[in-house]
Amino acid sequence: MNPSYPGYRALMLVLFGRSGQPPAWRSQAACAGQDTEEFFDPQHAEEVMAVCLGCPVLAECRADQLAWESSGQASRRYYAAGTVAGLSGPDRKRLHYPRKDVA
């Protein structure tokens, strides 16, 4: 996204909190610089999973994504699709809303 876009600062604050800056670990991510559209294309799911599973900051990425999704800033539709931190949308949804056994 272009920093000159009028809503850029607001979006960065929503995504990254008070600092408005991405965490430092993001520059070390295996996906840094890749086309993010691939992460939302089911046809590329296996390739994307391979990138994630070989990432040196997978744990940080997963913790950050799950925390953001559960913070209430993300609506359900944002984590319903796409691969993030080696987890598909349905994988993340199951973590947030585990099935309850009916007795």
Protein backbone atom coordinates (compact mmCIF):
# COMPACT_ATOMS: atom_id res chain seq x y z
CA MET A 1 0.00 0.00 0.00
CA ASN A 2 1.18 3.45 -0.84
CA PRO A 3 2.00 5.58 2.25
CA SER A 4 0.52 8.63 0.51
CA TYR A 5 -2.92 6.95 0.52
CA PRO A 6 -5.18 9.03 2.85
CA GLY A 7 -6.20 6.05 4.99
CA TYR A 8 -2.70 4.57 5.25
CA ARG A 9 -1.95 5.75 8.80
CA ALA A 10 -5.35 4.63 10.10
CA LEU A 11 -4.93 1.20 8.51
CA MET A 12 -1.44 0.79 9.96
CA LEU A 13 -2.77 1.66 13.44
CA VAL A 14 -5.54 -0.92 13.12
CA LEU A 15 -3.17 -3.60 11.87
CA PHE A 16 -0.17 -2.95 14.10
CA GLY A 17 -1.42 -1.12 17.17
CA ARG A 18 -0.14 2.10 18.68
CA SER A 19 3.20 2.05 16.92
CA GLY A 20 1.60 1.83 13.48
CA GLN A 21 4.63 -0.20 12.41
CA PRO A 22 4.88 -3.90 11.64
CA PRO A 23 6.85 -5.99 14.15
CA ALA A 24 10.58 -6.28 13.44
CA TRP A 25 10.35 -10.05 12.90
CA ARG A 26 8.32 -9.51 9.73
CA SER A 27 11.44 -8.57 7.77
CA GLN A 28 12.85 -12.04 8.55
CA ALA A 29 9.73 -13.88 7.34
CA ALA A 30 10.12 -16.33 4.48
CA CYS A 31 7.21 -14.61 2.72
CA ALA A 32 8.68 -11.09 2.95
CA GLY A 33 8.48 -9.51 -0.47
CA GLN A 34 6.22 -12.19 -1.95
CA ASP A 35 2.94 -11.51 -3.71
CA THR A 36 0.36 -11.69 -0.92
CA GLU A 37 -2.41 -12.56 -3.38
CA GLU A 38 -0.98 -16.10 -3.56
CA PHE A 39 -1.80 -16.57 0.12
CA PHE A 40 -5.51 -16.16 -0.67
CA ASP A 41 -5.55 -18.34 -3.79
CA PRO A 42 -6.55 -21.95 -3.03
CA GLN A 43 -4.62 -23.09 -6.11
CA HIS A 44 -1.38 -22.00 -4.42
CA ALA A 45 -2.16 -23.46 -0.97
CA GLU A 46 0.50 -26.18 -1.05
CA GLU A 47 3.21 -23.77 -2.22
CA VAL A 48 2.26 -21.23 0.43
CA MET A 49 2.22 -23.87 3.19
CA ALA A 50 5.72 -24.92 2.16
CA VAL A 51 6.90 -21.30 2.45
CA CYS A 52 5.30 -20.97 5.90
CA LEU A 53 6.58 -24.26 7.25
CA GLY A 54 10.16 -23.31 6.35
CA CYS A 55 9.89 -19.86 7.89
CA PRO A 56 12.29 -18.89 10.70
CA VAL A 57 9.65 -16.71 12.40
CA LEU A 58 6.65 -19.04 12.05
CA ALA A 59 5.94 -19.06 15.81
CA GLU A 60 5.96 -15.25 16.02
CA CYS A 61 3.78 -14.95 12.93
CA ARG A 62 1.26 -17.49 14.21
CA ALA A 63 1.06 -15.90 17.66
CA ASP A 64 0.64 -12.43 16.14
CA GLN A 65 -2.06 -13.52 13.69
CA LEU A 66 -4.08 -15.48 16.23
CA ALA A 67 -3.85 -12.64 18.75
CA TRP A 68 -4.99 -10.11 16.16
CA GLU A 69 -7.91 -12.28 15.07
CA SER A 70 -9.05 -12.88 18.64
CA SER A 71 -8.64 -9.22 19.68
CA GLY A 72 -11.92 -8.23 18.10
CA GLN A 73 -10.26 -5.98 15.52
CA ALA A 74 -10.75 -8.59 12.83
CA SER A 75 -14.18 -9.63 11.75
CA ARG A 76 -14.82 -13.31 11.10
CA ARG A 77 -14.61 -12.79 7.38
CA TYR A 78 -10.93 -11.81 7.61
CA TYR A 79 -9.80 -15.14 8.92
CA ALA A 80 -12.25 -17.27 7.02
CA ALA A 81 -9.91 -17.54 4.03
CA GLY A 82 -6.28 -17.45 3.14
CA THR A 83 -3.16 -19.07 4.52
CA VAL A 84 -1.39 -17.24 7.32
CA ALA A 85 1.34 -18.62 9.56
CA GLY A 86 1.02 -22.07 8.04
CA LEU A 87 -2.68 -22.25 8.91
CA SER A 88 -5.58 -22.15 6.49
CA GLY A 89 -8.67 -20.09 7.22
CA PRO A 90 -10.61 -23.16 8.41
CA ASP A 91 -7.64 -24.18 10.61
CA ARG A 92 -7.63 -20.78 12.29
CA LYS A 93 -11.40 -20.77 12.65
CA ARG A 94 -11.23 -24.15 14.44
CA LEU A 95 -8.68 -22.71 16.86
CA HIS A 96 -10.91 -19.75 17.64
CA TYR A 97 -14.14 -21.76 17.76
CA PRO A 98 -13.34 -25.32 18.81
CA ARG A 99 -16.11 -27.87 18.50
CA LYS A 100 -17.89 -28.64 21.68
CA ASP A 101 -18.65 -32.26 22.34
CA VAL A 102 -22.34 -32.79 22.82
CA ALA A 103 -22.98 -35.21 25.65
